[in-house]
Each structure stands twice: as C-alpha cells, then as structure tokens.
Amino acid sequence: MSRLTPDADDARYIRRLFLTIAVVALAAAIYFTGDLLILAFGSVLGAIVIHAIAEIYETRARLSDRVALSCAIATVLALIGFLVWLFAVEFRTQVNVLVTRLPGIIDQLADQMSQSPVGAKVVDAVRAAFAGSRVAQDIGGLAEGAGQFILNALLVLVGAIFFAVDPKVYERGFLLLMPPSKRAAMEDALIDTAATLRLWLRAQLIQMTTMGVLVGIGLWLVGVPSAPALALLTGISEFIPYVGPVAAMIPAMGLAATQSIHHVLWTVGVFAIVRVVQTNFITPFVTSRVVAIPPAVTLFAILAIGAVFGLFGLFFSAALLVMVFTLVRSLYLRDTLGEDIPHSRHRTLFDSAGTPRDSPIKLD
C-alpha cells in the first residue's frame, strides 16, 4: 500500500479545501465579470419569454416546434421595434421635453424640499448616497455615450435568441459538470427556476400593463403634459418593484410642476391611488401562483443588487431575487432538509442516478 495515499480524514480535508477554493474562485469571477453575468442572465430571461410565446403559437395555431419558435422570435423583434418606434417617432417630442427638462426639474424639486430643515437633510442624504453608487456611475456613462447601452441591449437580445434556439445543449452541458449523484436534484432545481421565472414574467407583464394604463389615464385626466410617454415609462419601470415606480414618479412630478403646484399634488394622488389599487387588488391576484417574497426582503435585495451590479443589475434585480429564492427552496429546503415541496412536471435529461436519458452531446 502506498504511503502517500490519503486516509479518510485527509480525503475529507482535501475535498473541503477544494470546495473552499471553488467558492472563492466563484466569488472572484462574479466580482470581476459581474456585468457580463448580468447580461447573460438577461439573455436567459429573454429566452424564457421567447419560449413562452412559442408555446402559445404551438397550442393555439397548431404550429410545429421550429415554426412556432421562429414566429416567437419574430414577435419579440416586432415588439422591440414597436417600442423603439414609440420612443423615437410617436413620443419623440414628449421624450425630448422630458429629457431636456429632467435635470432642471430635479434641481427645482430639491430646492423646494431644501426650504425646510427636514427636507434639506433628506436631499443631502439622497445626494450623498446616489453620488458614490454604482448606478450613478452607470447613468453618467450612459449620458456620455448611449452606444454602450445599445450594444449591451443587442448582446442581451442576440444571446436570448441563441439560448432559445437550443436550450437543452446549454442545460445538458451545465449538468454534465455536476457529480452524477447531484445531477437529478440540480436539474429539478433548474426546471423549478425556469417555471417560476416564466410565471413571474407573466405576472410582471400584467402588472406593467395595468400600471401604465392606469397612470396614463390618471395623468391625462389631471392635465399633466406628455401623459402617454409618462405612462409607458411608468409601465416599464414596474419591472423593478418599489424602486422603479418611485423613480418614474419624479419626471411626472417635474412636468406637472411646469403647470402648477396643484398639478403636482394631483400627480402624487394619481400615483398613490394607482399604487393602492395595484397593491391590494391586482398584485395579489396575479402573483398568487408565483412566489411570496416579503416586501422588505425584496426592497433591500433590489437595492443591494443595484449597488453591486449597477444599472443592468438593478433592472434584472427582481428576477435575480426570484431565481435565488427558487433555488434555495428547491436545493436547500426540499433536497437538503427534506421539506415537502412539489417538483415541476417536465421531461428530465438525466435519471435519478445521473445518467443521460438520451444520446450524449455531440461537440463536432
């Protein structure tokens, strides 16, 4: 017997050492390549959206898988083109007014709040917190050159199409990196995460639509300028819970301030009423089948993700939180602690022993 063969204690120590090194390497990779990982996660979300639309074409129009996927990709591209057309053509004048007046509007609101001691403290605290944040740096970079933002958005779109065309290749490749005994549990967790994100995206779409429509009608009734553009901006901002709608209210209040102080008060009332309706009637109805994350956890997690990963991290922060919540529920609560949490129904790529069900991957 070789004297260099490790005994049970040495083998356990070596496993823990390599596990520690792997965790440190993963943390370093996330820190140094955070922007790229966020864009990749956005591409995964886009692929989920494409496949959800493709399923509609398959079930309603009775199309084949490939034809339905092509129609879904065309639908997504058409929707993006429609949004670009709205901002660039239909709402161009309103957007230009909003962009040119926004800095002065923010300064005007800050000056009005600074007239009281409490308001001055709030303004100073917000400026100090925002000045050194990662989001502030990203917004400054976007102001200097929008080309990087457009390039990142195109990267997310192209990556989403690549992921959507053949997602099983990436799923199988990732699972093959896992130990065979852990592949089944990891695959169940991935399937649960994809199903939860799909339901969450549907819920977000409903909430974004209702929020934009209700705010747009309310601002139009009280006579706020550029109500359609503000409604579209508010609907998109709903993708970031809590933080997004508050940020969208600032330009609405600023444009209302160009009319009168009464318009500002009416604008605040519109957002407050819509938020009450959204929180008490719409949100509980559309999110009852998804995940119930406590509001305080959601708020601070979104702020933390935005501080670490910047503007794109803030935009995808809610989806990241849903993914982490689902993975903890699947891998820790169900497969580690043995809690009775049902699996999502899906045809798996690996059996319980970690053996591929189909033929192995071809790399050529």
Protein backbone atom coordinates (compact mmCIF):
# COMPACT_ATOMS: atom_id res chain seq x y z
CA MET A 1 0.00 0.00 0.00
CA SER A 2 1.37 3.43 -0.95
CA ARG A 3 2.21 5.66 2.00
CA LEU A 4 1.11 8.71 0.01
CA THR A 5 -2.47 7.50 -0.38
CA PRO A 6 -4.64 9.85 1.73
CA ASP A 7 -6.72 8.31 4.51
CA ALA A 8 -10.35 9.21 5.17
CA ASP A 9 -9.53 12.32 7.20
CA ASP A 10 -7.05 13.60 4.62
CA ALA A 11 -9.53 12.98 1.79
CA ARG A 12 -12.22 14.90 3.69
CA TYR A 13 -9.79 17.78 4.26
CA ILE A 14 -8.79 17.84 0.58
CA ARG A 15 -12.45 17.93 -0.50
CA ARG A 16 -13.14 20.84 1.85
CA LEU A 17 -10.02 22.64 0.66
CA PHE A 18 -11.01 22.34 -2.99
CA LEU A 19 -14.59 23.36 -2.14
CA THR A 20 -13.29 26.48 -0.40
CA ILE A 21 -11.06 27.31 -3.36
CA ALA A 22 -14.02 26.83 -5.71
CA VAL A 23 -16.23 29.14 -3.64
CA VAL A 24 -13.52 31.83 -3.54
CA ALA A 25 -12.94 31.48 -7.29
CA LEU A 26 -16.68 31.75 -7.95
CA ALA A 27 -16.95 34.89 -5.80
CA ALA A 28 -13.96 36.43 -7.62
CA ALA A 29 -15.46 35.56 -11.00
CA ILE A 30 -18.77 37.16 -10.04
CA TYR A 31 -16.96 40.28 -8.83
CA PHE A 32 -14.75 40.75 -11.89
CA THR A 33 -17.27 39.62 -14.53
CA GLY A 34 -20.47 40.86 -12.90
CA ASP A 35 -21.58 42.94 -15.88
CA LEU A 36 -21.18 40.02 -18.27
CA LEU A 37 -23.04 37.66 -15.93
CA ILE A 38 -25.93 40.12 -15.63
CA LEU A 39 -26.17 40.36 -19.42
CA ALA A 40 -26.11 36.56 -19.67
CA PHE A 41 -28.90 36.34 -17.10
CA GLY A 42 -30.89 38.86 -19.12
CA SER A 43 -30.42 36.66 -22.19
CA VAL A 44 -31.76 33.68 -20.25
CA LEU A 45 -34.83 35.72 -19.29
CA GLY A 46 -35.29 36.68 -22.93
CA ALA A 47 -35.07 33.02 -23.95
CA ILE A 48 -37.78 32.16 -21.42
CA VAL A 49 -40.00 34.87 -22.91
CA ILE A 50 -39.42 33.56 -26.44
CA HIS A 51 -40.31 30.00 -25.45
CA ALA A 52 -43.43 31.17 -23.61
CA ILE A 53 -44.61 32.92 -26.79
CA ALA A 54 -43.66 29.86 -28.86
CA GLU A 55 -45.87 27.67 -26.67
CA ILE A 56 -48.80 29.96 -27.44
CA TYR A 57 -48.20 29.50 -31.16
CA GLU A 58 -47.90 25.73 -30.69
CA THR A 59 -51.14 25.34 -28.71
CA ARG A 60 -53.30 27.99 -30.39
CA ALA A 61 -52.08 27.93 -34.00
CA ARG A 62 -51.04 24.23 -34.06
CA LEU A 63 -47.59 25.05 -35.42
CA SER A 64 -44.54 22.82 -35.27
CA ASP A 65 -41.78 23.49 -32.74
CA ARG A 66 -39.40 25.17 -35.18
CA VAL A 67 -42.08 27.26 -36.89
CA ALA A 68 -43.51 28.35 -33.53
CA LEU A 69 -40.04 29.30 -32.30
CA SER A 70 -39.40 31.35 -35.43
CA CYS A 71 -42.73 33.12 -35.03
CA ALA A 72 -41.94 33.81 -31.37
CA ILE A 73 -38.56 35.36 -32.25
CA ALA A 74 -40.25 37.47 -34.94
CA THR A 75 -42.88 38.56 -32.40
CA VAL A 76 -40.25 39.65 -29.88
CA LEU A 77 -38.33 41.58 -32.55
CA ALA A 78 -41.57 43.24 -33.68
CA LEU A 79 -42.42 44.26 -30.09
CA ILE A 80 -38.96 45.74 -29.59
CA GLY A 81 -39.25 47.58 -32.89
CA PHE A 82 -42.66 48.91 -31.83
CA LEU A 83 -41.25 50.25 -28.55
CA VAL A 84 -38.34 51.88 -30.37
CA TRP A 85 -40.80 53.45 -32.81
CA LEU A 86 -42.93 54.78 -29.94
CA PHE A 87 -39.98 56.44 -28.23
CA ALA A 88 -38.19 57.59 -31.40
CA VAL A 89 -41.13 58.68 -33.56
CA GLU A 90 -44.52 58.83 -31.86
CA PHE A 91 -43.34 60.18 -28.49
CA ARG A 92 -40.21 61.89 -29.77
CA THR A 93 -41.33 65.40 -28.84
CA GLN A 94 -42.54 64.30 -25.43
CA VAL A 95 -39.36 62.34 -24.73
CA ASN A 96 -37.21 65.30 -25.80
CA VAL A 97 -39.12 67.57 -23.44
CA LEU A 98 -38.76 65.03 -20.65
CA VAL A 99 -35.02 64.53 -21.18
CA THR A 100 -34.16 68.23 -21.56
CA ARG A 101 -36.23 69.35 -18.59
CA LEU A 102 -35.43 66.47 -16.22
CA PRO A 103 -32.15 67.84 -14.72
CA GLY A 104 -33.69 71.24 -14.06
CA ILE A 105 -36.85 69.62 -12.72
CA ILE A 106 -34.87 67.54 -10.23
CA ASP A 107 -32.94 70.61 -9.09
CA GLN A 108 -36.19 72.53 -8.72
CA LEU A 109 -37.73 69.80 -6.57
CA ALA A 110 -34.56 69.63 -4.48
CA ASP A 111 -34.64 73.41 -3.95
CA GLN A 112 -38.26 73.27 -2.87
CA MET A 113 -37.57 70.44 -0.42
CA SER A 114 -34.48 72.21 0.94
CA GLN A 115 -36.61 75.09 2.20
CA SER A 116 -37.45 73.03 5.29
CA PRO A 117 -34.80 71.58 7.66
CA VAL A 118 -36.11 68.03 7.31
CA GLY A 119 -36.31 68.29 3.53
CA ALA A 120 -32.75 69.63 3.36
CA LYS A 121 -31.48 66.64 5.34
CA VAL A 122 -33.34 64.26 3.02
CA VAL A 123 -31.91 65.95 -0.09
CA ASP A 124 -28.37 65.83 1.30
CA ALA A 125 -28.72 62.16 2.24
CA VAL A 126 -30.09 61.21 -1.19
CA ARG A 127 -27.33 63.11 -2.99
CA ALA A 128 -24.62 61.56 -0.83
CA ALA A 129 -25.99 58.03 -1.30
CA PHE A 130 -26.50 58.45 -5.04
CA ALA A 131 -23.18 60.18 -5.78
CA GLY A 132 -20.99 57.21 -4.88
CA SER A 133 -23.29 54.44 -6.03
CA ARG A 134 -22.63 52.10 -8.93
CA VAL A 135 -25.95 53.08 -10.52
CA ALA A 136 -24.93 56.75 -10.57
CA GLN A 137 -21.71 55.86 -12.35
CA ASP A 138 -23.59 53.79 -14.93
CA ILE A 139 -26.14 56.55 -15.55
CA GLY A 140 -23.30 59.02 -16.01
CA GLY A 141 -21.70 56.66 -18.50
CA LEU A 142 -24.96 56.33 -20.40
CA ALA A 143 -25.31 60.09 -20.52
CA GLU A 144 -21.84 60.40 -22.05
CA GLY A 145 -22.45 57.72 -24.64
CA ALA A 146 -25.57 55.68 -25.28
CA GLY A 147 -23.68 53.39 -27.64
CA GLN A 148 -22.58 51.07 -24.83
CA PHE A 149 -26.15 50.75 -23.60
CA ILE A 150 -27.40 49.91 -27.09
CA LEU A 151 -24.56 47.42 -27.56
CA ASN A 152 -25.38 45.69 -24.27
CA ALA A 153 -29.08 45.57 -25.19
CA LEU A 154 -28.22 43.99 -28.54
CA LEU A 155 -25.97 41.50 -26.78
CA VAL A 156 -28.85 40.50 -24.49
CA LEU A 157 -31.18 40.13 -27.48
CA VAL A 158 -28.76 38.03 -29.56
CA GLY A 159 -27.90 35.90 -26.53
CA ALA A 160 -31.60 35.33 -25.86
CA ILE A 161 -32.11 34.08 -29.40
CA PHE A 162 -29.11 31.73 -29.13
CA PHE A 163 -30.35 30.34 -25.80
CA ALA A 164 -33.88 29.94 -27.16
CA VAL A 165 -32.89 28.07 -30.32
CA ASP A 166 -31.42 25.06 -28.48
CA PRO A 167 -31.62 25.46 -24.67
CA LYS A 168 -31.08 21.74 -23.97
CA VAL A 169 -27.48 21.96 -25.20
CA TYR A 170 -26.63 24.52 -22.50
CA GLU A 171 -28.67 22.75 -19.85
CA ARG A 172 -27.08 19.38 -20.55
CA GLY A 173 -23.58 20.87 -20.68
CA PHE A 174 -24.08 22.56 -17.31
CA LEU A 175 -25.47 19.40 -15.69
CA LEU A 176 -22.60 17.29 -17.00
CA LEU A 177 -20.28 19.45 -14.91
CA MET A 178 -22.10 18.28 -11.77
CA PRO A 179 -21.31 15.00 -9.96
CA PRO A 180 -23.61 12.23 -11.27
CA SER A 181 -25.30 11.81 -7.89
CA LYS A 182 -26.26 15.51 -7.83
CA ARG A 183 -27.46 15.91 -11.41
CA ALA A 184 -31.07 14.91 -10.82
CA ALA A 185 -31.50 17.36 -7.91
CA MET A 186 -29.79 20.15 -9.84
CA GLU A 187 -31.93 19.51 -12.92
CA ASP A 188 -35.11 19.62 -10.84
CA ALA A 189 -33.95 22.93 -9.38
CA LEU A 190 -33.27 24.37 -12.85
CA ILE A 191 -36.69 23.25 -14.07
CA ASP A 192 -38.37 24.77 -11.00
CA THR A 193 -36.48 28.02 -11.54
CA ALA A 194 -37.45 28.24 -15.21
CA ALA A 195 -41.11 27.54 -14.41
CA THR A 196 -41.16 30.11 -11.60
CA LEU A 197 -39.46 32.76 -13.74
CA ARG A 198 -41.97 32.15 -16.51
CA LEU A 199 -44.91 32.66 -14.14
CA TRP A 200 -43.19 35.68 -12.64
CA LEU A 201 -42.68 37.24 -16.08
CA ARG A 202 -46.37 36.76 -16.90
CA ALA A 203 -47.32 38.40 -13.62
CA GLN A 204 -44.91 41.28 -14.29
CA LEU A 205 -46.36 41.81 -17.76
CA ILE A 206 -49.86 42.11 -16.32
CA GLN A 207 -48.71 44.49 -13.59
CA MET A 208 -46.66 46.61 -16.02
CA THR A 209 -49.64 46.91 -18.38
CA THR A 210 -52.17 47.81 -15.70
CA MET A 211 -49.78 50.24 -14.01
CA GLY A 212 -49.01 52.06 -17.25
CA VAL A 213 -52.64 52.23 -18.38
CA LEU A 214 -54.00 53.44 -15.02
CA VAL A 215 -51.24 56.03 -14.53
CA GLY A 216 -51.62 57.24 -18.12
CA ILE A 217 -55.38 57.71 -17.74
CA GLY A 218 -54.94 59.45 -14.40
CA LEU A 219 -52.25 61.85 -15.64
CA TRP A 220 -54.31 62.63 -18.73
CA LEU A 221 -57.36 63.44 -16.60
CA VAL A 222 -55.44 65.84 -14.35
CA GLY A 223 -53.78 67.55 -17.32
CA VAL A 224 -50.12 66.55 -16.94
CA PRO A 225 -48.08 67.07 -20.14
CA SER A 226 -46.70 64.06 -22.01
CA ALA A 227 -49.08 61.66 -20.27
CA PRO A 228 -48.67 58.82 -22.85
CA ALA A 229 -44.87 58.89 -22.63
CA LEU A 230 -45.01 59.00 -18.83
CA ALA A 231 -47.46 56.09 -18.83
CA LEU A 232 -45.14 54.00 -20.99
CA LEU A 233 -42.17 54.91 -18.79
CA THR A 234 -44.12 54.01 -15.65
CA GLY A 235 -45.22 50.68 -17.08
CA ILE A 236 -41.64 49.72 -17.98
CA SER A 237 -40.40 50.88 -14.56
CA GLU A 238 -42.79 48.44 -12.87
CA PHE A 239 -40.32 45.70 -13.88
CA ILE A 240 -38.27 46.91 -10.89
CA PRO A 241 -40.68 46.62 -7.93
CA TYR A 242 -40.89 49.52 -5.46
CA VAL A 243 -37.84 51.33 -6.80
CA GLY A 244 -38.94 51.67 -10.44
CA PRO A 245 -42.36 53.31 -9.92
CA VAL A 246 -40.88 55.78 -7.43
CA ALA A 247 -38.21 56.75 -9.95
CA ALA A 248 -40.87 57.09 -12.69
CA MET A 249 -42.91 59.43 -10.48
CA ILE A 250 -40.09 62.02 -10.38
CA PRO A 251 -40.30 63.12 -14.05
CA ALA A 252 -44.10 63.06 -13.82
CA MET A 253 -43.99 65.40 -10.83
CA GLY A 254 -41.46 67.59 -12.62
CA LEU A 255 -43.60 68.01 -15.72
CA ALA A 256 -46.62 68.64 -13.51
CA ALA A 257 -44.62 71.37 -11.74
CA THR A 258 -44.37 73.23 -15.06
CA GLN A 259 -48.15 73.72 -14.86
CA SER A 260 -48.86 74.49 -11.20
CA ILE A 261 -48.42 73.18 -7.70
CA HIS A 262 -51.95 71.77 -7.88
CA HIS A 263 -50.89 69.57 -10.80
CA VAL A 264 -48.04 68.22 -8.66
CA LEU A 265 -50.44 67.32 -5.87
CA TRP A 266 -52.82 65.69 -8.35
CA THR A 267 -49.91 63.72 -9.84
CA VAL A 268 -48.90 62.42 -6.41
CA GLY A 269 -52.53 61.49 -5.81
CA VAL A 270 -52.73 59.60 -9.12
CA PHE A 271 -49.64 57.54 -8.32
CA ALA A 272 -50.85 56.90 -4.76
CA ILE A 273 -54.30 55.74 -5.85
CA VAL A 274 -52.90 53.52 -8.61
CA ARG A 275 -50.39 52.03 -6.16
CA VAL A 276 -53.17 51.23 -3.67
CA VAL A 277 -55.24 49.56 -6.40
CA GLN A 278 -52.20 47.70 -7.72
CA THR A 279 -51.06 46.50 -4.30
CA ASN A 280 -54.43 45.42 -2.91
CA PHE A 281 -56.24 44.06 -5.96
CA ILE A 282 -54.01 43.37 -8.97
CA THR A 283 -50.73 42.18 -7.42
CA PRO A 284 -52.26 39.58 -5.02
CA PHE A 285 -54.32 38.15 -7.87
CA VAL A 286 -51.51 37.78 -10.44
CA THR A 287 -48.76 36.70 -8.02
CA SER A 288 -50.73 34.13 -6.03
CA ARG A 289 -49.21 31.27 -8.07
CA VAL A 290 -45.64 32.56 -8.16
CA VAL A 291 -43.53 33.29 -5.07
CA ALA A 292 -44.35 35.21 -1.92
CA ILE A 293 -41.18 37.14 -1.05
CA PRO A 294 -41.56 39.57 1.89
CA PRO A 295 -41.61 43.21 0.69
CA ALA A 296 -38.74 44.28 2.96
CA VAL A 297 -36.53 41.48 1.62
CA THR A 298 -37.44 42.44 -1.94
CA LEU A 299 -36.69 46.14 -1.42
CA PHE A 300 -33.28 45.74 0.23
CA ALA A 301 -32.26 42.91 -2.10
CA ILE A 302 -33.04 45.09 -5.14
CA LEU A 303 -31.02 47.97 -3.72
CA ALA A 304 -28.11 45.66 -2.88
CA ILE A 305 -28.07 44.06 -6.34
CA GLY A 306 -28.18 47.50 -7.95
CA ALA A 307 -25.29 48.70 -5.79
CA VAL A 308 -23.15 45.67 -6.74
CA PHE A 309 -24.02 45.19 -10.42
CA GLY A 310 -25.05 48.68 -11.49
CA LEU A 311 -27.84 49.77 -13.81
CA PHE A 312 -28.39 46.46 -15.60
CA GLY A 313 -28.24 44.67 -12.26
CA LEU A 314 -30.94 46.98 -10.93
CA PHE A 315 -33.11 46.27 -13.96
CA PHE A 316 -32.83 42.48 -13.54
CA SER A 317 -32.69 42.56 -9.72
CA ALA A 318 -36.24 41.33 -9.12
CA ALA A 319 -35.75 38.38 -11.49
CA LEU A 320 -32.44 37.57 -9.80
CA LEU A 321 -34.17 37.57 -6.43
CA VAL A 322 -36.86 35.21 -7.72
CA MET A 323 -34.18 32.88 -9.09
CA VAL A 324 -32.23 32.83 -5.79
CA PHE A 325 -35.43 32.30 -3.81
CA THR A 326 -36.45 29.37 -6.01
CA LEU A 327 -33.00 27.74 -5.88
CA VAL A 328 -32.94 27.99 -2.07
CA ARG A 329 -36.42 26.48 -1.91
CA SER A 330 -35.51 23.63 -4.27
CA LEU A 331 -31.91 22.78 -3.35
CA TYR A 332 -31.91 23.56 0.36
CA LEU A 333 -35.45 23.25 1.70
CA ARG A 334 -36.54 20.32 -0.47
CA ASP A 335 -33.40 18.33 -1.33
CA THR A 336 -31.32 19.08 1.79
CA LEU A 337 -33.84 19.48 4.61
CA GLY A 338 -36.46 17.21 3.05
CA GLU A 339 -39.36 19.67 3.06
CA ASP A 340 -42.45 18.61 1.10
CA ILE A 341 -42.10 20.91 -1.91
CA PRO A 342 -43.55 19.58 -5.19
CA HIS A 343 -41.48 19.29 -8.35
CA SER A 344 -42.35 20.96 -11.63
CA ARG A 345 -43.55 18.48 -14.23
CA HIS A 346 -41.07 18.21 -17.07
CA ARG A 347 -39.20 15.61 -19.07
CA THR A 348 -35.75 15.41 -17.49
CA LEU A 349 -32.44 14.91 -19.31
CA PHE A 350 -30.94 12.71 -16.55
CA ASP A 351 -32.37 9.89 -14.45
CA SER A 352 -32.11 9.63 -10.67
CA ALA A 353 -28.61 8.10 -10.95
CA GLY A 354 -27.34 11.00 -13.05
CA THR A 355 -27.16 9.02 -16.30
CA PRO A 356 -28.20 10.85 -19.52
CA ARG A 357 -31.50 9.59 -20.90
CA ASP A 358 -30.65 10.45 -24.49
CA SER A 359 -27.53 10.06 -26.55
CA PRO A 360 -24.53 12.03 -25.33
CA ILE A 361 -23.81 15.53 -26.59
CA LYS A 362 -22.02 15.86 -29.91
CA LEU A 363 -19.32 18.50 -29.84
CA ASP A 364 -18.47 18.47 -33.53
